[in-house]
Amino acid sequence: MNVDLTAVLNCRMPPGNDAGAETIRDYLKALLAELWREKERFGGKRPFGNSGWEADVYIALIIGGFVEGSVDEDGYYEDCDEAAADALIASAIQAL
């Protein structure tokens, strides 16, 4: 994978995301902070109160041009190469 991981981490998140994050970096930090705060009570299905939380990151990656996919006219996630997006985020996490 030859992607600028700093650019991925600095990629803008969609407005109104459940974490209130401005960038993917901020989102990952909020996710880790929530895990630490909740400890064994952490809910992986709904870390910020809603299910489908990964979609916010997928939308950012699609709009940022990092993965192929589509977002509907209202800005909601439709589809993307989730395996590629997950691998990219895993690499970005290692780059933190």
N, C-alpha and C. Protein backbone atom coordinates (compact mmCIF):
# COMPACT_ATOMS: atom_id res chain seq x y z
N MET A 1 0.84 -1.17 0.00
CA MET A 1 0.00 0.00 0.00
C MET A 1 0.89 1.24 0.00
N ASN A 2 0.71 2.06 -1.00
CA ASN A 2 1.52 3.26 -1.13
C ASN A 2 0.61 4.48 -0.98
N VAL A 3 0.16 4.72 0.23
CA VAL A 3 -0.75 5.82 0.51
C VAL A 3 -0.13 6.68 1.59
N ASP A 4 -0.30 7.97 1.48
CA ASP A 4 0.18 8.91 2.49
C ASP A 4 -0.73 8.79 3.72
N LEU A 5 -0.26 8.07 4.73
CA LEU A 5 -1.08 7.82 5.91
C LEU A 5 -1.35 9.09 6.71
N THR A 6 -0.46 10.07 6.63
CA THR A 6 -0.72 11.36 7.28
C THR A 6 -1.93 12.01 6.62
N ALA A 7 -2.02 11.90 5.30
CA ALA A 7 -3.17 12.47 4.59
C ALA A 7 -4.45 11.73 4.98
N VAL A 8 -4.37 10.43 5.18
CA VAL A 8 -5.54 9.66 5.62
C VAL A 8 -5.96 10.15 7.01
N LEU A 9 -5.02 10.26 7.93
CA LEU A 9 -5.33 10.70 9.29
C LEU A 9 -5.88 12.13 9.31
N ASN A 10 -5.47 12.96 8.38
CA ASN A 10 -5.93 14.35 8.31
C ASN A 10 -7.18 14.51 7.46
N CYS A 11 -7.68 13.42 6.90
CA CYS A 11 -8.87 13.45 6.06
C CYS A 11 -10.06 13.94 6.89
N ARG A 12 -10.85 14.84 6.31
CA ARG A 12 -11.99 15.44 7.01
C ARG A 12 -13.11 14.42 7.20
N MET A 13 -13.67 14.41 8.38
CA MET A 13 -14.83 13.57 8.68
C MET A 13 -16.10 14.30 8.25
N PRO A 14 -17.16 13.54 7.94
CA PRO A 14 -18.41 14.21 7.57
C PRO A 14 -18.97 14.98 8.76
N PRO A 15 -19.59 16.11 8.50
CA PRO A 15 -20.19 16.88 9.59
C PRO A 15 -21.26 16.04 10.30
N GLY A 16 -21.38 16.26 11.59
CA GLY A 16 -22.42 15.57 12.35
C GLY A 16 -22.09 14.12 12.70
N ASN A 17 -20.84 13.69 12.52
CA ASN A 17 -20.49 12.32 12.89
C ASN A 17 -20.65 12.16 14.39
N ASP A 18 -20.92 10.93 14.82
CA ASP A 18 -21.26 10.66 16.22
C ASP A 18 -20.15 11.00 17.20
N ALA A 19 -18.90 11.01 16.74
CA ALA A 19 -17.78 11.32 17.63
C ALA A 19 -17.52 12.83 17.70
N GLY A 20 -18.14 13.59 16.83
CA GLY A 20 -17.89 15.03 16.79
C GLY A 20 -16.48 15.35 16.32
N ALA A 21 -15.89 14.45 15.55
CA ALA A 21 -14.50 14.57 15.10
C ALA A 21 -14.41 15.38 13.81
N GLU A 22 -13.33 16.15 13.70
CA GLU A 22 -13.08 16.91 12.48
C GLU A 22 -12.30 16.11 11.46
N THR A 23 -11.41 15.23 11.93
CA THR A 23 -10.57 14.43 11.03
C THR A 23 -10.63 12.96 11.46
N ILE A 24 -10.13 12.09 10.61
CA ILE A 24 -10.03 10.68 10.97
C ILE A 24 -9.13 10.52 12.19
N ARG A 25 -8.07 11.29 12.27
CA ARG A 25 -7.18 11.24 13.44
C ARG A 25 -7.98 11.54 14.72
N ASP A 26 -8.79 12.60 14.69
CA ASP A 26 -9.61 12.96 15.85
C ASP A 26 -10.61 11.85 16.18
N TYR A 27 -11.17 11.25 15.15
CA TYR A 27 -12.14 10.17 15.34
C TYR A 27 -11.49 8.97 16.05
N LEU A 28 -10.31 8.58 15.58
CA LEU A 28 -9.62 7.44 16.18
C LEU A 28 -9.22 7.75 17.62
N LYS A 29 -8.81 8.98 17.88
CA LYS A 29 -8.48 9.38 19.25
C LYS A 29 -9.73 9.32 20.14
N ALA A 30 -10.87 9.78 19.64
CA ALA A 30 -12.11 9.74 20.40
C ALA A 30 -12.54 8.30 20.67
N LEU A 31 -12.36 7.44 19.68
CA LEU A 31 -12.70 6.02 19.84
C LEU A 31 -11.84 5.37 20.91
N LEU A 32 -10.55 5.63 20.89
CA LEU A 32 -9.65 5.08 21.89
C LEU A 32 -9.95 5.65 23.28
N ALA A 33 -10.25 6.93 23.34
CA ALA A 33 -10.60 7.55 24.62
C ALA A 33 -11.87 6.93 25.19
N GLU A 34 -12.84 6.66 24.34
CA GLU A 34 -14.08 6.02 24.78
C GLU A 34 -13.82 4.60 25.28
N LEU A 35 -12.99 3.87 24.58
CA LEU A 35 -12.61 2.52 25.01
C LEU A 35 -11.95 2.58 26.39
N TRP A 36 -11.05 3.50 26.57
CA TRP A 36 -10.33 3.62 27.84
C TRP A 36 -11.28 4.04 28.97
N ARG A 37 -12.16 4.98 28.67
CA ARG A 37 -13.09 5.46 29.68
C ARG A 37 -14.07 4.35 30.11
N GLU A 38 -14.58 3.62 29.15
CA GLU A 38 -15.58 2.59 29.42
C GLU A 38 -15.00 1.27 29.92
N LYS A 39 -13.73 1.03 29.56
CA LYS A 39 -13.05 -0.23 29.92
C LYS A 39 -13.91 -1.43 29.52
N GLU A 40 -14.18 -2.37 30.42
CA GLU A 40 -14.90 -3.59 30.03
C GLU A 40 -16.36 -3.32 29.68
N ARG A 41 -16.86 -2.13 29.93
CA ARG A 41 -18.23 -1.78 29.54
C ARG A 41 -18.29 -1.26 28.11
N PHE A 42 -17.14 -1.12 27.47
CA PHE A 42 -17.10 -0.58 26.11
C PHE A 42 -18.01 -1.39 25.19
N GLY A 43 -18.85 -0.69 24.45
CA GLY A 43 -19.76 -1.34 23.50
C GLY A 43 -19.27 -1.18 22.08
N GLY A 44 -18.62 -2.21 21.56
CA GLY A 44 -18.09 -2.14 20.20
C GLY A 44 -19.16 -1.96 19.14
N LYS A 45 -20.40 -2.35 19.43
CA LYS A 45 -21.48 -2.16 18.45
C LYS A 45 -21.93 -0.71 18.40
N ARG A 46 -21.82 0.01 19.51
CA ARG A 46 -22.32 1.38 19.60
C ARG A 46 -21.41 2.26 20.45
N PRO A 47 -20.15 2.43 20.05
CA PRO A 47 -19.24 3.18 20.91
C PRO A 47 -19.64 4.64 21.12
N PHE A 48 -20.35 5.22 20.17
CA PHE A 48 -20.78 6.61 20.30
C PHE A 48 -22.30 6.72 20.35
N GLY A 49 -22.96 5.61 20.67
CA GLY A 49 -24.41 5.62 20.82
C GLY A 49 -25.19 5.05 19.66
N ASN A 50 -24.60 4.97 18.48
CA ASN A 50 -25.30 4.45 17.31
C ASN A 50 -24.54 3.30 16.69
N SER A 51 -25.27 2.37 16.10
CA SER A 51 -24.62 1.29 15.36
C SER A 51 -24.19 1.83 13.99
N GLY A 52 -23.40 1.07 13.29
CA GLY A 52 -22.94 1.51 11.97
C GLY A 52 -21.93 2.62 12.03
N TRP A 53 -21.25 2.75 13.16
CA TRP A 53 -20.31 3.86 13.37
C TRP A 53 -19.17 3.86 12.37
N GLU A 54 -18.82 2.70 11.82
CA GLU A 54 -17.74 2.64 10.83
C GLU A 54 -18.08 3.44 9.58
N ALA A 55 -19.38 3.58 9.30
CA ALA A 55 -19.81 4.28 8.09
C ALA A 55 -19.29 5.71 8.05
N ASP A 56 -19.19 6.38 9.20
CA ASP A 56 -18.66 7.74 9.21
C ASP A 56 -17.24 7.78 8.65
N VAL A 57 -16.43 6.80 9.02
CA VAL A 57 -15.05 6.73 8.52
C VAL A 57 -15.05 6.36 7.04
N TYR A 58 -15.90 5.40 6.65
CA TYR A 58 -15.98 5.02 5.24
C TYR A 58 -16.36 6.23 4.38
N ILE A 59 -17.32 7.02 4.84
CA ILE A 59 -17.74 8.21 4.10
C ILE A 59 -16.55 9.16 3.91
N ALA A 60 -15.79 9.39 4.98
CA ALA A 60 -14.62 10.27 4.89
C ALA A 60 -13.62 9.74 3.88
N LEU A 61 -13.37 8.44 3.90
CA LEU A 61 -12.41 7.85 2.96
C LEU A 61 -12.90 7.92 1.52
N ILE A 62 -14.19 7.73 1.32
CA ILE A 62 -14.76 7.82 -0.03
C ILE A 62 -14.65 9.26 -0.54
N ILE A 63 -15.13 10.21 0.25
CA ILE A 63 -15.10 11.61 -0.17
C ILE A 63 -13.67 12.10 -0.34
N GLY A 64 -12.76 11.61 0.51
CA GLY A 64 -11.35 11.97 0.40
C GLY A 64 -10.63 11.33 -0.77
N GLY A 65 -11.29 10.38 -1.45
CA GLY A 65 -10.70 9.73 -2.61
C GLY A 65 -9.73 8.60 -2.27
N PHE A 66 -9.79 8.11 -1.04
CA PHE A 66 -8.88 7.05 -0.63
C PHE A 66 -9.39 5.65 -0.94
N VAL A 67 -10.71 5.49 -1.05
CA VAL A 67 -11.30 4.20 -1.42
C VAL A 67 -12.45 4.44 -2.38
N GLU A 68 -12.74 3.44 -3.18
CA GLU A 68 -13.87 3.49 -4.10
C GLU A 68 -15.15 3.25 -3.30
N GLY A 69 -16.20 3.97 -3.64
CA GLY A 69 -17.48 3.77 -2.99
C GLY A 69 -18.43 4.88 -3.36
N SER A 70 -19.60 4.85 -2.71
CA SER A 70 -20.58 5.88 -3.02
C SER A 70 -21.30 6.32 -1.75
N VAL A 71 -21.70 7.58 -1.81
CA VAL A 71 -22.46 8.23 -0.76
C VAL A 71 -23.69 8.80 -1.44
N ASP A 72 -24.87 8.65 -0.84
CA ASP A 72 -26.08 9.15 -1.49
C ASP A 72 -26.16 10.68 -1.42
N GLU A 73 -27.21 11.22 -2.03
CA GLU A 73 -27.34 12.68 -2.13
C GLU A 73 -27.50 13.37 -0.78
N ASP A 74 -27.87 12.60 0.25
CA ASP A 74 -27.99 13.16 1.59
C ASP A 74 -26.72 12.97 2.43
N GLY A 75 -25.68 12.40 1.81
CA GLY A 75 -24.41 12.21 2.50
C GLY A 75 -24.31 10.92 3.29
N TYR A 76 -25.25 9.99 3.07
CA TYR A 76 -25.22 8.71 3.77
C TYR A 76 -24.44 7.68 2.98
N TYR A 77 -23.75 6.82 3.72
CA TYR A 77 -22.95 5.74 3.14
C TYR A 77 -23.85 4.78 2.37
N GLU A 78 -23.43 4.43 1.15
CA GLU A 78 -24.13 3.40 0.37
C GLU A 78 -23.28 2.15 0.27
N ASP A 79 -22.05 2.30 -0.23
CA ASP A 79 -21.17 1.13 -0.35
C ASP A 79 -19.74 1.59 -0.56
N CYS A 80 -18.82 0.67 -0.26
CA CYS A 80 -17.41 0.89 -0.56
C CYS A 80 -16.68 -0.43 -0.42
N ASP A 81 -15.43 -0.42 -0.80
CA ASP A 81 -14.58 -1.60 -0.61
C ASP A 81 -14.17 -1.59 0.86
N GLU A 82 -14.99 -2.22 1.70
CA GLU A 82 -14.76 -2.19 3.14
C GLU A 82 -13.45 -2.85 3.53
N ALA A 83 -13.06 -3.90 2.82
CA ALA A 83 -11.79 -4.56 3.13
C ALA A 83 -10.62 -3.60 2.91
N ALA A 84 -10.66 -2.85 1.81
CA ALA A 84 -9.60 -1.88 1.54
C ALA A 84 -9.64 -0.74 2.56
N ALA A 85 -10.84 -0.27 2.90
CA ALA A 85 -10.98 0.80 3.89
C ALA A 85 -10.46 0.34 5.25
N ASP A 86 -10.82 -0.87 5.65
CA ASP A 86 -10.38 -1.40 6.95
C ASP A 86 -8.86 -1.56 6.99
N ALA A 87 -8.28 -2.02 5.90
CA ALA A 87 -6.82 -2.18 5.84
C ALA A 87 -6.14 -0.80 5.91
N LEU A 88 -6.72 0.17 5.26
CA LEU A 88 -6.16 1.52 5.27
C LEU A 88 -6.23 2.12 6.68
N ILE A 89 -7.35 1.94 7.36
CA ILE A 89 -7.47 2.47 8.73
C ILE A 89 -6.54 1.72 9.67
N ALA A 90 -6.39 0.42 9.49
CA ALA A 90 -5.46 -0.34 10.33
C ALA A 90 -4.03 0.19 10.15
N SER A 91 -3.64 0.51 8.93
CA SER A 91 -2.32 1.08 8.68
C SER A 91 -2.21 2.48 9.28
N ALA A 92 -3.27 3.26 9.17
CA ALA A 92 -3.26 4.61 9.73
C ALA A 92 -3.13 4.56 11.26
N ILE A 93 -3.79 3.61 11.88
CA ILE A 93 -3.70 3.46 13.34
C ILE A 93 -2.25 3.15 13.72
N GLN A 94 -1.59 2.29 12.97
CA GLN A 94 -0.19 1.97 13.26
C GLN A 94 0.71 3.18 13.07
N ALA A 95 0.30 4.11 12.20
CA ALA A 95 1.11 5.31 11.94
C ALA A 95 0.94 6.38 13.01
N LEU A 96 -0.04 6.23 13.88
CA LEU A 96 -0.28 7.25 14.92
C LEU A 96 0.90 7.39 15.85
